Amino acid sequence: MESQLTFYRECIKTLLAGYDAIKTDEAELEVIFDDEHSRYVAIWVGWQQAKRIYQCAIHIDIIGDTIVVQRNDTEDRLDIDLLEYGIPKEKIRLGFLPPAVQQMLPHGHIRQAT
């Protein structure tokens, strides 16, 4: 289990590292890795004039032996990216979908890009 957990962590970190350099005139993405709790986030931080920007763009947890994408406020298909790293589709869950939808589509919601 530990080697699988280590593999999942490294895949998620590699995926999120690509977002670390993204900036706009008002904000930048900060990537946070919490290996102790298996929690990984990318957060927009900055200012738009006098308005504070602080918004979660990506949140991924490892719960048990499953990667759960809790939030994906990007145009990217993080599930497809994780598949391309070699993570089995049955080990990826889209946590931002309502539980009833997740039950109806246990693994069919993750498809290879066409």
C-alpha atoms as a PDB file:
ATOM      1  CA  MET A   1       0.000   0.000   0.000  1.00  0.00           C
ATOM      2  CA  GLU A   2       2.813   2.432   0.849  1.00  0.00           C
ATOM      3  CA  SER A   3       4.383   2.148  -2.609  1.00  0.00           C
ATOM      4  CA  GLN A   4       0.972   2.756  -4.205  1.00  0.00           C
ATOM      5  CA  LEU A   5       0.428   5.764  -1.928  1.00  0.00           C
ATOM      6  CA  THR A   6       3.873   7.110  -2.804  1.00  0.00           C
ATOM      7  CA  PHE A   7       3.144   6.636  -6.518  1.00  0.00           C
ATOM      8  CA  TYR A   8      -0.208   8.448  -6.228  1.00  0.00           C
ATOM      9  CA  ARG A   9       1.395  11.319  -4.306  1.00  0.00           C
ATOM     10  CA  GLU A  10       4.145  11.727  -6.891  1.00  0.00           C
ATOM     11  CA  CYS A  11       1.658  11.680  -9.767  1.00  0.00           C
ATOM     12  CA  ILE A  12      -0.501  14.360  -8.127  1.00  0.00           C
ATOM     13  CA  LYS A  13       2.519  16.513  -7.295  1.00  0.00           C
ATOM     14  CA  THR A  14       3.812  16.260 -10.852  1.00  0.00           C
ATOM     15  CA  LEU A  15       0.379  17.171 -12.192  1.00  0.00           C
ATOM     16  CA  LEU A  16      -0.018  20.181  -9.897  1.00  0.00           C
ATOM     17  CA  ALA A  17       3.552  21.383 -10.405  1.00  0.00           C
ATOM     18  CA  GLY A  18       2.522  22.391 -13.920  1.00  0.00           C
ATOM     19  CA  TYR A  19       0.125  24.930 -12.422  1.00  0.00           C
ATOM     20  CA  ASP A  20       2.664  26.527 -10.083  1.00  0.00           C
ATOM     21  CA  ALA A  21       3.928  29.075 -12.612  1.00  0.00           C
ATOM     22  CA  ILE A  22       0.507  30.311 -13.771  1.00  0.00           C
ATOM     23  CA  LYS A  23       0.003  34.025 -13.112  1.00  0.00           C
ATOM     24  CA  THR A  24      -2.243  36.840 -14.221  1.00  0.00           C
ATOM     25  CA  ASP A  25      -1.806  40.560 -13.643  1.00  0.00           C
ATOM     26  CA  GLU A  26      -3.927  40.229 -10.500  1.00  0.00           C
ATOM     27  CA  ALA A  27      -3.192  36.785  -9.081  1.00  0.00           C
ATOM     28  CA  GLU A  28      -1.017  33.699  -9.126  1.00  0.00           C
ATOM     29  CA  LEU A  29      -1.620  30.053  -8.401  1.00  0.00           C
ATOM     30  CA  GLU A  30      -0.039  28.694  -5.245  1.00  0.00           C
ATOM     31  CA  VAL A  31       0.382  24.930  -5.070  1.00  0.00           C
ATOM     32  CA  ILE A  32       0.266  23.298  -1.641  1.00  0.00           C
ATOM     33  CA  PHE A  33       1.299  19.693  -0.931  1.00  0.00           C
ATOM     34  CA  ASP A  34       0.260  18.067   2.359  1.00  0.00           C
ATOM     35  CA  ASP A  35       1.689  14.544   2.356  1.00  0.00           C
ATOM     36  CA  GLU A  36       0.777  13.973   6.006  1.00  0.00           C
ATOM     37  CA  HIS A  37      -2.948  14.225   5.196  1.00  0.00           C
ATOM     38  CA  SER A  38      -2.655  13.295   1.479  1.00  0.00           C
ATOM     39  CA  ARG A  39      -4.227  16.612   0.470  1.00  0.00           C
ATOM     40  CA  TYR A  40      -3.097  18.681  -2.510  1.00  0.00           C
ATOM     41  CA  VAL A  41      -4.449  22.058  -3.644  1.00  0.00           C
ATOM     42  CA  ALA A  42      -3.809  24.891  -6.064  1.00  0.00           C
ATOM     43  CA  ILE A  43      -5.185  28.228  -4.901  1.00  0.00           C
ATOM     44  CA  TRP A  44      -5.510  31.560  -6.707  1.00  0.00           C
ATOM     45  CA  VAL A  45      -4.086  34.308  -4.486  1.00  0.00           C
ATOM     46  CA  GLY A  46      -3.853  38.021  -5.229  1.00  0.00           C
ATOM     47  CA  TRP A  47      -5.686  41.309  -5.550  1.00  0.00           C
ATOM     48  CA  GLN A  48      -7.995  42.768  -8.171  1.00  0.00           C
ATOM     49  CA  GLN A  49      -7.845  46.435  -7.260  1.00  0.00           C
ATOM     50  CA  ALA A  50      -9.258  46.493  -3.681  1.00  0.00           C
ATOM     51  CA  LYS A  51     -10.858  43.048  -3.923  1.00  0.00           C
ATOM     52  CA  ARG A  52      -8.990  40.076  -2.440  1.00  0.00           C
ATOM     53  CA  ILE A  53      -8.646  36.994  -4.631  1.00  0.00           C
ATOM     54  CA  TYR A  54      -8.436  33.717  -2.756  1.00  0.00           C
ATOM     55  CA  GLN A  55     -10.053  30.810  -4.568  1.00  0.00           C
ATOM     56  CA  CYS A  56      -9.414  27.101  -4.778  1.00  0.00           C
ATOM     57  CA  ALA A  57      -8.727  26.054  -8.361  1.00  0.00           C
ATOM     58  CA  ILE A  58      -7.824  22.405  -7.728  1.00  0.00           C
ATOM     59  CA  HIS A  59      -8.227  20.173  -4.677  1.00  0.00           C
ATOM     60  CA  ILE A  60      -7.219  16.517  -4.756  1.00  0.00           C
ATOM     61  CA  ASP A  61      -7.255  14.098  -1.812  1.00  0.00           C
ATOM     62  CA  ILE A  62      -6.078  10.524  -1.482  1.00  0.00           C
ATOM     63  CA  ILE A  63      -8.684   8.710   0.581  1.00  0.00           C
ATOM     64  CA  GLY A  64      -7.808   5.103   1.308  1.00  0.00           C
ATOM     65  CA  ASP A  65      -6.574   3.773  -2.006  1.00  0.00           C
ATOM     66  CA  THR A  66      -8.573   6.203  -4.153  1.00  0.00           C
ATOM     67  CA  ILE A  67      -7.686   9.590  -5.621  1.00  0.00           C
ATOM     68  CA  VAL A  68     -10.604  11.972  -5.151  1.00  0.00           C
ATOM     69  CA  VAL A  69     -10.709  15.128  -7.255  1.00  0.00           C
ATOM     70  CA  GLN A  70     -12.665  17.356  -4.858  1.00  0.00           C
ATOM     71  CA  ARG A  71     -12.551  20.472  -7.032  1.00  0.00           C
ATOM     72  CA  ASN A  72     -11.451  21.241 -10.564  1.00  0.00           C
ATOM     73  CA  ASP A  73     -12.042  24.862 -11.501  1.00  0.00           C
ATOM     74  CA  THR A  74      -9.906  24.557 -14.632  1.00  0.00           C
ATOM     75  CA  GLU A  75     -10.615  23.616 -18.219  1.00  0.00           C
ATOM     76  CA  ASP A  76      -8.292  20.627 -17.890  1.00  0.00           C
ATOM     77  CA  ARG A  77      -9.453  17.035 -17.452  1.00  0.00           C
ATOM     78  CA  LEU A  78      -7.488  16.085 -14.352  1.00  0.00           C
ATOM     79  CA  ASP A  79      -8.968  12.582 -14.420  1.00  0.00           C
ATOM     80  CA  ILE A  80      -7.573  12.022 -17.922  1.00  0.00           C
ATOM     81  CA  ASP A  81      -4.193  13.397 -16.838  1.00  0.00           C
ATOM     82  CA  LEU A  82      -4.133  10.969 -13.900  1.00  0.00           C
ATOM     83  CA  LEU A  83      -5.019   8.078 -16.217  1.00  0.00           C
ATOM     84  CA  GLU A  84      -2.101   9.051 -18.445  1.00  0.00           C
ATOM     85  CA  TYR A  85       0.206   8.792 -15.416  1.00  0.00           C
ATOM     86  CA  GLY A  86      -0.891   5.166 -15.089  1.00  0.00           C
ATOM     87  CA  ILE A  87      -3.481   5.397 -12.319  1.00  0.00           C
ATOM     88  CA  PRO A  88      -6.357   2.931 -12.918  1.00  0.00           C
ATOM     89  CA  LYS A  89      -9.713   4.572 -13.604  1.00  0.00           C
ATOM     90  CA  GLU A  90     -11.371   2.642 -10.770  1.00  0.00           C
ATOM     91  CA  LYS A  91      -8.973   4.425  -8.380  1.00  0.00           C
ATOM     92  CA  ILE A  92     -10.054   7.916  -9.498  1.00  0.00           C
ATOM     93  CA  ARG A  93     -13.256   9.525  -8.231  1.00  0.00           C
ATOM     94  CA  LEU A  94     -14.721  12.906  -9.112  1.00  0.00           C
ATOM     95  CA  GLY A  95     -15.751  14.094  -5.656  1.00  0.00           C
ATOM     96  CA  PHE A  96     -17.334  17.278  -6.979  1.00  0.00           C
ATOM     97  CA  LEU A  97     -20.168  15.226  -8.502  1.00  0.00           C
ATOM     98  CA  PRO A  98     -23.183  14.615  -6.256  1.00  0.00           C
ATOM     99  CA  PRO A  99     -23.099  11.200  -4.512  1.00  0.00           C
ATOM    100  CA  ALA A 100     -26.164   9.994  -6.427  1.00  0.00           C
ATOM    101  CA  VAL A 101     -24.443  10.722  -9.734  1.00  0.00           C
ATOM    102  CA  GLN A 102     -21.239   9.031  -8.561  1.00  0.00           C
ATOM    103  CA  GLN A 103     -23.251   5.892  -7.724  1.00  0.00           C
ATOM    104  CA  MET A 104     -24.952   5.874 -11.127  1.00  0.00           C
ATOM    105  CA  LEU A 105     -21.618   6.218 -12.935  1.00  0.00           C
ATOM    106  CA  PRO A 106     -19.140   4.324 -10.758  1.00  0.00           C
ATOM    107  CA  HIS A 107     -16.297   4.477 -13.250  1.00  0.00           C
ATOM    108  CA  GLY A 108     -17.958   5.329 -16.544  1.00  0.00           C
ATOM    109  CA  HIS A 109     -17.505   9.050 -15.982  1.00  0.00           C
ATOM    110  CA  ILE A 110     -13.797   8.713 -16.685  1.00  0.00           C
ATOM    111  CA  ARG A 111     -13.164   8.065 -20.351  1.00  0.00           C
ATOM    112  CA  GLN A 112     -10.082   8.369 -22.466  1.00  0.00           C
ATOM    113  CA  ALA A 113     -10.004  11.576 -24.460  1.00  0.00           C
ATOM    114  CA  THR A 114     -11.044  11.078 -28.069  1.00  0.00           C
END
